[in-house]
Amino acid sequence: MHSDKELRAAIVDARDALLAAADQLANIGTAERVTEDDWQDVSAAVGLSMALHRERMARVGVLLGLGGARKRLLRYLLRHVGQVVSGPELSGVAGIAEWPRRVRELRVEEGWPIESGIQRPTLRTDEYVLLRAERDAKLADRWRLASDIRKSGGTASDRILALLKAVSPDALDHEDLYYVAKTSNWTSLIDDLRTSGWDIRSADQDPRLAAGSYRLIS
């Protein structure tokens, strides 16, 4: 159990790290001349201060009992069910640079129905919405299916096709396809499957699909 003094000190630490970044900008803003090297040095210093700021913000969250980044993100999303929240908001809540990975883990591993521009064309890629305050068992089942296919061996094309078949007529987003293919070259493998006669459509052929999503028609 934290003391109030410890909590207040952690908040001050977070504030001081942010002020350090502001001081760097204030100092260069009053310089008689600013060179390219000056600006890069200040940018580096600001980056370090902001990283420290995130770390200390996360420390405050831990003292308040908010848990790790994934738990903090879920709590925030549950407080805003049905509302679009931005990536910068979630970055601040998580307090870590890898917050998008934690959001994906909530969606694919735990089954929380979180959508972004990857799944919904009307959202930007840095916008997110938790559709419901209940887990979606279908999402969690899909992750287990993708995990099994990923481990099944065979070629990357075989694994991509297997997952597309398994979820058809539903679509897969590029994160699912990259995960199961285990290669950044998966888009060319989609093209190869199309050449082989598989009717795989993306947003280019079906405007109802989000950018980066693919659906096997038959």
Foldseek 3Di string as FASTA:
>chain_A
DDDPVVLVVLVVQLVVLQVQLVVLVVVVVPDPDADPVSVVVSVVSSVVSVLSSLVSLVVSCVVVVQDALLSQLLVVQLVVAPDKDFQVVSCSSRSDPPSVVSVVCCCQQVQFQKDALQFFVVHHNGIIHGHDNDGDVVSNVLSVVLVCLLPVDDALLVSLVVSLVVDPQDKDAQVSSCSSSVDPCSVVSVVVVVVVPFPKDACVVPVRGRHRIIHGHD
